[in-house]
Amino acid sequence: MCRFTFTAVKKERVLPMEIKQESRNLKAQKESLPQALRTFVHRLESTERIDPAELCRILNESTITAEDLSDWADFNHPTSDSYGRRMVYKGKDFEVMVMSWCPGDFSTIHDHGYTQWGAVRIYGPAEHATFRFEDGRLETLARWQVEPGDVIGVGHGLIHQMGNPTHDTFFLSLHTYGTSEQVEDVTGMQGYSTFSIRNCSEWMVACSSPCPRRR
């Protein structure tokens, strides 16, 4: 039996004064970013309609390097966190984050909460797997090695896992998740998604491939 984490979002009325303050905060956030990231964020905010394919195109056309993300690196994260995770920019309807992957780091199998569109650019030799959950069973759809620089699109229905299968390589990845309406936390409250398998032993019986574990 798989274990799930479900979340809910409480919507609150936003007053005009709060909107002005939010706009000032967003502007301050943007101005502090490296130029390539600032350009990327501006393009997201000025694009009327975004889906995973469009976001992948924007990311592929961007000039963001791993060095641009170094201020958000967190390779000293606790083992219990699985990987490092830091917010780069939180817009009105999207979030940009940097993940840090030490050798042996693997995420849990998860979805992305309220995300309607998203994409990940990976700056190292990652492993990526996709899954389907149906009739109480979790099935592996694909598992493959990612080339540094690859971009992976994220849709609302994606259930996946990412990790660093190497013994000696540290790398970063850039994650962008957006939604069609403003919510407090696009990917789920307190950093967790609405679907998250927390205990590996609980789903191994239903999973058609071995469960990666942090070395």
C-alpha atoms as a PDB file:
ATOM      1  CA  MET A   1       0.000   0.000   0.000  1.00  0.00           C
ATOM      2  CA  CYS A   2       1.405   3.376  -0.993  1.00  0.00           C
ATOM      3  CA  ARG A   3       1.286   6.335   1.368  1.00  0.00           C
ATOM      4  CA  PHE A   4       0.138   9.750   0.138  1.00  0.00           C
ATOM      5  CA  THR A   5       0.391  13.297   1.390  1.00  0.00           C
ATOM      6  CA  PHE A   6      -2.611  15.494   0.524  1.00  0.00           C
ATOM      7  CA  THR A   7      -2.642  19.241   0.951  1.00  0.00           C
ATOM      8  CA  ALA A   8      -5.100  22.105   0.658  1.00  0.00           C
ATOM      9  CA  VAL A   9      -4.656  25.806  -0.003  1.00  0.00           C
ATOM     10  CA  LYS A  10      -6.568  28.491   1.834  1.00  0.00           C
ATOM     11  CA  LYS A  11      -7.247  31.504  -0.373  1.00  0.00           C
ATOM     12  CA  GLU A  12      -7.310  34.901   1.251  1.00  0.00           C
ATOM     13  CA  ARG A  13      -8.476  38.282   0.035  1.00  0.00           C
ATOM     14  CA  VAL A  14      -5.601  40.457  -1.223  1.00  0.00           C
ATOM     15  CA  LEU A  15      -5.924  44.191  -0.537  1.00  0.00           C
ATOM     16  CA  PRO A  16      -4.634  46.876  -2.986  1.00  0.00           C
ATOM     17  CA  MET A  17      -1.882  47.921  -0.555  1.00  0.00           C
ATOM     18  CA  GLU A  18      -0.719  44.285  -0.344  1.00  0.00           C
ATOM     19  CA  ILE A  19      -0.646  44.082  -4.151  1.00  0.00           C
ATOM     20  CA  LYS A  20       1.634  47.140  -4.328  1.00  0.00           C
ATOM     21  CA  GLN A  21       3.929  45.666  -1.679  1.00  0.00           C
ATOM     22  CA  GLU A  22       4.014  42.348  -3.546  1.00  0.00           C
ATOM     23  CA  SER A  23       4.983  44.146  -6.770  1.00  0.00           C
ATOM     24  CA  ARG A  24       7.838  45.935  -4.977  1.00  0.00           C
ATOM     25  CA  ASN A  25       9.008  42.640  -3.493  1.00  0.00           C
ATOM     26  CA  LEU A  26       8.982  40.932  -6.897  1.00  0.00           C
ATOM     27  CA  LYS A  27      10.956  43.801  -8.416  1.00  0.00           C
ATOM     28  CA  ALA A  28      13.559  43.584  -5.638  1.00  0.00           C
ATOM     29  CA  GLN A  29      13.809  39.817  -6.105  1.00  0.00           C
ATOM     30  CA  LYS A  30      14.352  40.216  -9.839  1.00  0.00           C
ATOM     31  CA  GLU A  31      16.975  42.938  -9.575  1.00  0.00           C
ATOM     32  CA  SER A  32      19.113  40.744  -7.312  1.00  0.00           C
ATOM     33  CA  LEU A  33      19.301  37.893  -9.851  1.00  0.00           C
ATOM     34  CA  PRO A  34      22.172  37.257 -12.293  1.00  0.00           C
ATOM     35  CA  GLN A  35      21.413  38.742 -15.716  1.00  0.00           C
ATOM     36  CA  ALA A  36      20.572  35.434 -17.427  1.00  0.00           C
ATOM     37  CA  LEU A  37      18.113  34.481 -14.675  1.00  0.00           C
ATOM     38  CA  ARG A  38      16.619  37.969 -14.671  1.00  0.00           C
ATOM     39  CA  THR A  39      16.015  37.711 -18.421  1.00  0.00           C
ATOM     40  CA  PHE A  40      14.447  34.279 -17.985  1.00  0.00           C
ATOM     41  CA  VAL A  41      12.065  35.492 -15.256  1.00  0.00           C
ATOM     42  CA  HIS A  42      11.116  38.583 -17.288  1.00  0.00           C
ATOM     43  CA  ARG A  43      10.297  36.382 -20.264  1.00  0.00           C
ATOM     44  CA  LEU A  44       8.063  34.156 -18.145  1.00  0.00           C
ATOM     45  CA  GLU A  45       6.215  37.170 -16.749  1.00  0.00           C
ATOM     46  CA  SER A  46       5.705  38.699 -20.187  1.00  0.00           C
ATOM     47  CA  THR A  47       4.529  35.502 -21.929  1.00  0.00           C
ATOM     48  CA  GLU A  48       0.733  35.343 -21.979  1.00  0.00           C
ATOM     49  CA  ARG A  49       0.293  31.587 -22.327  1.00  0.00           C
ATOM     50  CA  ILE A  50       2.813  29.017 -21.125  1.00  0.00           C
ATOM     51  CA  ASP A  51       2.668  25.238 -21.321  1.00  0.00           C
ATOM     52  CA  PRO A  52       5.474  22.683 -20.770  1.00  0.00           C
ATOM     53  CA  ALA A  53       6.535  22.771 -24.435  1.00  0.00           C
ATOM     54  CA  GLU A  54       6.767  26.581 -24.485  1.00  0.00           C
ATOM     55  CA  LEU A  55       8.685  26.635 -21.205  1.00  0.00           C
ATOM     56  CA  CYS A  56      11.132  24.037 -22.542  1.00  0.00           C
ATOM     57  CA  ARG A  57      11.691  26.259 -25.579  1.00  0.00           C
ATOM     58  CA  ILE A  58      12.302  29.317 -23.372  1.00  0.00           C
ATOM     59  CA  LEU A  59      14.752  27.366 -21.209  1.00  0.00           C
ATOM     60  CA  ASN A  60      16.598  25.983 -24.232  1.00  0.00           C
ATOM     61  CA  GLU A  61      16.971  29.513 -25.594  1.00  0.00           C
ATOM     62  CA  SER A  62      18.199  30.889 -22.276  1.00  0.00           C
ATOM     63  CA  THR A  63      21.881  31.356 -21.447  1.00  0.00           C
ATOM     64  CA  ILE A  64      21.624  30.274 -17.801  1.00  0.00           C
ATOM     65  CA  THR A  65      24.713  28.376 -16.649  1.00  0.00           C
ATOM     66  CA  ALA A  66      25.416  26.310 -13.546  1.00  0.00           C
ATOM     67  CA  GLU A  67      27.603  29.183 -12.343  1.00  0.00           C
ATOM     68  CA  ASP A  68      24.554  31.485 -12.402  1.00  0.00           C
ATOM     69  CA  LEU A  69      22.927  29.104  -9.891  1.00  0.00           C
ATOM     70  CA  SER A  70      25.895  28.753  -7.534  1.00  0.00           C
ATOM     71  CA  ASP A  71      24.516  31.208  -4.940  1.00  0.00           C
ATOM     72  CA  TRP A  72      21.675  28.760  -4.308  1.00  0.00           C
ATOM     73  CA  ALA A  73      23.779  25.591  -4.117  1.00  0.00           C
ATOM     74  CA  ASP A  74      23.194  23.480  -0.997  1.00  0.00           C
ATOM     75  CA  PHE A  75      25.435  20.426  -1.073  1.00  0.00           C
ATOM     76  CA  ASN A  76      25.530  20.318   2.735  1.00  0.00           C
ATOM     77  CA  HIS A  77      21.837  19.463   3.040  1.00  0.00           C
ATOM     78  CA  PRO A  78      20.799  16.831   5.600  1.00  0.00           C
ATOM     79  CA  THR A  79      20.690  13.272   4.276  1.00  0.00           C
ATOM     80  CA  SER A  80      17.023  13.131   5.309  1.00  0.00           C
ATOM     81  CA  ASP A  81      16.211  15.902   2.801  1.00  0.00           C
ATOM     82  CA  SER A  82      17.309  13.665  -0.120  1.00  0.00           C
ATOM     83  CA  TYR A  83      18.659  16.707  -2.014  1.00  0.00           C
ATOM     84  CA  GLY A  84      19.189  20.448  -1.558  1.00  0.00           C
ATOM     85  CA  ARG A  85      16.327  22.781  -2.475  1.00  0.00           C
ATOM     86  CA  ARG A  86      16.340  26.584  -2.475  1.00  0.00           C
ATOM     87  CA  MET A  87      13.921  29.145  -3.879  1.00  0.00           C
ATOM     88  CA  VAL A  88      15.403  31.531  -6.452  1.00  0.00           C
ATOM     89  CA  TYR A  89      12.303  33.518  -7.383  1.00  0.00           C
ATOM     90  CA  LYS A  90       8.649  33.272  -6.364  1.00  0.00           C
ATOM     91  CA  GLY A  91       6.378  35.026  -8.836  1.00  0.00           C
ATOM     92  CA  LYS A  92       2.632  35.496  -8.734  1.00  0.00           C
ATOM     93  CA  ASP A  93       1.890  32.184 -10.421  1.00  0.00           C
ATOM     94  CA  PHE A  94       5.235  30.407 -10.736  1.00  0.00           C
ATOM     95  CA  GLU A  95       8.320  29.418  -8.743  1.00  0.00           C
ATOM     96  CA  VAL A  96      11.942  29.062  -9.806  1.00  0.00           C
ATOM     97  CA  MET A  97      14.137  26.829  -7.652  1.00  0.00           C
ATOM     98  CA  VAL A  98      17.616  25.328  -7.622  1.00  0.00           C
ATOM     99  CA  MET A  99      18.168  21.732  -6.518  1.00  0.00           C
ATOM    100  CA  SER A 100      21.579  20.421  -5.412  1.00  0.00           C
ATOM    101  CA  TRP A 101      22.484  16.785  -5.993  1.00  0.00           C
ATOM    102  CA  CYS A 102      25.277  15.040  -4.107  1.00  0.00           C
ATOM    103  CA  PRO A 103      26.457  11.595  -5.257  1.00  0.00           C
ATOM    104  CA  GLY A 104      23.725   9.107  -4.382  1.00  0.00           C
ATOM    105  CA  ASP A 105      20.959  11.686  -3.826  1.00  0.00           C
ATOM    106  CA  PHE A 106      17.514  10.597  -5.070  1.00  0.00           C
ATOM    107  CA  SER A 107      14.158  12.269  -4.653  1.00  0.00           C
ATOM    108  CA  THR A 108      11.081  10.368  -3.533  1.00  0.00           C
ATOM    109  CA  ILE A 109       8.611   9.491  -6.259  1.00  0.00           C
ATOM    110  CA  HIS A 110       6.348  12.520  -6.453  1.00  0.00           C
ATOM    111  CA  ASP A 111       4.100  14.777  -8.477  1.00  0.00           C
ATOM    112  CA  HIS A 112       4.189  18.593  -8.427  1.00  0.00           C
ATOM    113  CA  GLY A 113       1.101  19.666  -6.535  1.00  0.00           C
ATOM    114  CA  TYR A 114      -0.796  22.453  -8.300  1.00  0.00           C
ATOM    115  CA  THR A 115       1.690  22.734 -11.171  1.00  0.00           C
ATOM    116  CA  GLN A 116       0.072  23.099 -14.594  1.00  0.00           C
ATOM    117  CA  TRP A 117       3.274  23.781 -16.499  1.00  0.00           C
ATOM    118  CA  GLY A 118       6.919  23.349 -15.639  1.00  0.00           C
ATOM    119  CA  ALA A 119      10.365  22.305 -16.791  1.00  0.00           C
ATOM    120  CA  VAL A 120      13.712  21.238 -15.362  1.00  0.00           C
ATOM    121  CA  ARG A 121      17.154  21.957 -16.785  1.00  0.00           C
ATOM    122  CA  ILE A 122      19.731  19.524 -15.439  1.00  0.00           C
ATOM    123  CA  TYR A 123      23.413  20.459 -15.224  1.00  0.00           C
ATOM    124  CA  GLY A 124      24.821  17.001 -14.560  1.00  0.00           C
ATOM    125  CA  PRO A 125      24.558  13.260 -15.301  1.00  0.00           C
ATOM    126  CA  ALA A 126      21.215  12.645 -13.610  1.00  0.00           C
ATOM    127  CA  GLU A 127      18.934   9.632 -13.678  1.00  0.00           C
ATOM    128  CA  HIS A 128      15.255  10.234 -14.381  1.00  0.00           C
ATOM    129  CA  ALA A 129      12.262   7.916 -14.119  1.00  0.00           C
ATOM    130  CA  THR A 130       8.538   8.332 -14.812  1.00  0.00           C
ATOM    131  CA  PHE A 131       5.662   6.390 -13.281  1.00  0.00           C
ATOM    132  CA  ARG A 132       1.947   5.727 -13.529  1.00  0.00           C
ATOM    133  CA  PHE A 133      -0.306   5.144 -10.525  1.00  0.00           C
ATOM    134  CA  GLU A 134      -3.426   3.187 -11.389  1.00  0.00           C
ATOM    135  CA  ASP A 135      -5.734   0.837  -9.458  1.00  0.00           C
ATOM    136  CA  GLY A 136      -3.574   1.115  -6.363  1.00  0.00           C
ATOM    137  CA  ARG A 137      -0.393   0.073  -8.141  1.00  0.00           C
ATOM    138  CA  LEU A 138       2.657   2.085  -9.126  1.00  0.00           C
ATOM    139  CA  GLU A 139       4.148   1.167 -12.502  1.00  0.00           C
ATOM    140  CA  THR A 140       7.473   2.295 -13.930  1.00  0.00           C
ATOM    141  CA  LEU A 141       7.023   3.766 -17.409  1.00  0.00           C
ATOM    142  CA  ALA A 142      10.651   4.641 -18.187  1.00  0.00           C
ATOM    143  CA  ARG A 143      14.032   5.141 -16.543  1.00  0.00           C
ATOM    144  CA  TRP A 144      16.962   6.756 -18.338  1.00  0.00           C
ATOM    145  CA  GLN A 145      20.208   8.686 -17.958  1.00  0.00           C
ATOM    146  CA  VAL A 146      20.002  12.425 -18.583  1.00  0.00           C
ATOM    147  CA  GLU A 147      22.725  14.328 -20.412  1.00  0.00           C
ATOM    148  CA  PRO A 148      24.010  17.544 -18.786  1.00  0.00           C
ATOM    149  CA  GLY A 149      22.073  20.477 -20.239  1.00  0.00           C
ATOM    150  CA  ASP A 150      18.946  18.456 -21.036  1.00  0.00           C
ATOM    151  CA  VAL A 151      15.548  20.046 -20.377  1.00  0.00           C
ATOM    152  CA  ILE A 152      12.592  17.951 -19.203  1.00  0.00           C
ATOM    153  CA  GLY A 153       9.026  19.247 -19.413  1.00  0.00           C
ATOM    154  CA  VAL A 154       6.676  18.893 -16.423  1.00  0.00           C
ATOM    155  CA  GLY A 155       2.903  18.610 -16.818  1.00  0.00           C
ATOM    156  CA  HIS A 156       0.214  18.343 -14.150  1.00  0.00           C
ATOM    157  CA  GLY A 157      -0.008  14.560 -14.413  1.00  0.00           C
ATOM    158  CA  LEU A 158       3.712  13.805 -14.217  1.00  0.00           C
ATOM    159  CA  ILE A 159       4.795  11.373 -11.479  1.00  0.00           C
ATOM    160  CA  HIS A 160       8.550  11.005 -11.487  1.00  0.00           C
ATOM    161  CA  GLN A 161      11.820  10.614  -9.631  1.00  0.00           C
ATOM    162  CA  MET A 162      15.194  12.238 -10.165  1.00  0.00           C
ATOM    163  CA  GLY A 163      18.584  11.452  -8.738  1.00  0.00           C
ATOM    164  CA  ASN A 164      22.353  11.453  -8.946  1.00  0.00           C
ATOM    165  CA  PRO A 165      23.562   7.896  -9.640  1.00  0.00           C
ATOM    166  CA  THR A 166      27.257   8.826  -9.689  1.00  0.00           C
ATOM    167  CA  HIS A 167      29.845   8.139  -6.997  1.00  0.00           C
ATOM    168  CA  ASP A 168      31.816  11.382  -7.263  1.00  0.00           C
ATOM    169  CA  THR A 169      29.900  14.083  -9.195  1.00  0.00           C
ATOM    170  CA  PHE A 170      28.019  17.016  -7.650  1.00  0.00           C
ATOM    171  CA  PHE A 171      25.626  19.028  -9.817  1.00  0.00           C
ATOM    172  CA  LEU A 172      22.698  21.471  -9.817  1.00  0.00           C
ATOM    173  CA  SER A 173      19.363  21.619 -11.597  1.00  0.00           C
ATOM    174  CA  LEU A 174      17.017  24.531 -12.314  1.00  0.00           C
ATOM    175  CA  HIS A 175      13.302  23.923 -11.721  1.00  0.00           C
ATOM    176  CA  THR A 176      10.406  26.128 -12.822  1.00  0.00           C
ATOM    177  CA  TYR A 177       6.800  25.336 -11.896  1.00  0.00           C
ATOM    178  CA  GLY A 178       3.735  27.403 -12.735  1.00  0.00           C
ATOM    179  CA  THR A 179      -0.011  27.288 -12.370  1.00  0.00           C
ATOM    180  CA  SER A 180      -3.051  28.935 -13.927  1.00  0.00           C
ATOM    181  CA  GLU A 181      -4.045  30.662 -10.679  1.00  0.00           C
ATOM    182  CA  GLN A 182      -2.189  32.198  -7.778  1.00  0.00           C
ATOM    183  CA  VAL A 183      -1.567  29.796  -4.886  1.00  0.00           C
ATOM    184  CA  GLU A 184       0.656  30.018  -1.837  1.00  0.00           C
ATOM    185  CA  ASP A 185       2.907  27.117  -2.820  1.00  0.00           C
ATOM    186  CA  VAL A 186       2.764  25.880  -6.434  1.00  0.00           C
ATOM    187  CA  THR A 187       4.334  22.488  -5.766  1.00  0.00           C
ATOM    188  CA  GLY A 188       2.514  21.823  -2.478  1.00  0.00           C
ATOM    189  CA  MET A 189       2.492  23.137   1.080  1.00  0.00           C
ATOM    190  CA  GLN A 190       5.839  23.212   2.932  1.00  0.00           C
ATOM    191  CA  GLY A 191       7.740  21.901  -0.049  1.00  0.00           C
ATOM    192  CA  TYR A 192       5.778  18.656  -0.464  1.00  0.00           C
ATOM    193  CA  SER A 193       3.572  17.660  -3.369  1.00  0.00           C
ATOM    194  CA  THR A 194       0.005  16.363  -3.207  1.00  0.00           C
ATOM    195  CA  PHE A 195       1.313  12.907  -4.150  1.00  0.00           C
ATOM    196  CA  SER A 196       4.463  11.703  -2.480  1.00  0.00           C
ATOM    197  CA  ILE A 197       5.650   8.229  -1.632  1.00  0.00           C
ATOM    198  CA  ARG A 198       7.594   8.634   1.588  1.00  0.00           C
ATOM    199  CA  ASN A 199       8.610   5.077   2.427  1.00  0.00           C
ATOM    200  CA  CYS A 200      10.388   3.058  -0.238  1.00  0.00           C
ATOM    201  CA  SER A 201       9.557  -0.356   1.236  1.00  0.00           C
ATOM    202  CA  GLU A 202       5.815   0.347   0.988  1.00  0.00           C
ATOM    203  CA  TRP A 203       5.715   0.523  -2.801  1.00  0.00           C
ATOM    204  CA  MET A 204       8.542  -1.792  -3.907  1.00  0.00           C
ATOM    205  CA  VAL A 205       6.065  -4.647  -4.217  1.00  0.00           C
ATOM    206  CA  ALA A 206       4.088  -2.608  -6.776  1.00  0.00           C
ATOM    207  CA  CYS A 207       7.051  -1.064  -8.580  1.00  0.00           C
ATOM    208  CA  SER A 208       8.445  -2.811 -11.638  1.00  0.00           C
ATOM    209  CA  SER A 209      12.037  -1.528 -11.190  1.00  0.00           C
ATOM    210  CA  PRO A 210      14.455  -1.452  -8.252  1.00  0.00           C
ATOM    211  CA  CYS A 211      14.122   1.420  -5.808  1.00  0.00           C
ATOM    212  CA  PRO A 212      17.155   3.724  -5.828  1.00  0.00           C
ATOM    213  CA  ARG A 213      18.521   4.449  -2.399  1.00  0.00           C
ATOM    214  CA  ARG A 214      20.934   7.124  -1.317  1.00  0.00           C
ATOM    215  CA  ARG A 215      24.402   5.613  -1.000  1.00  0.00           C
END
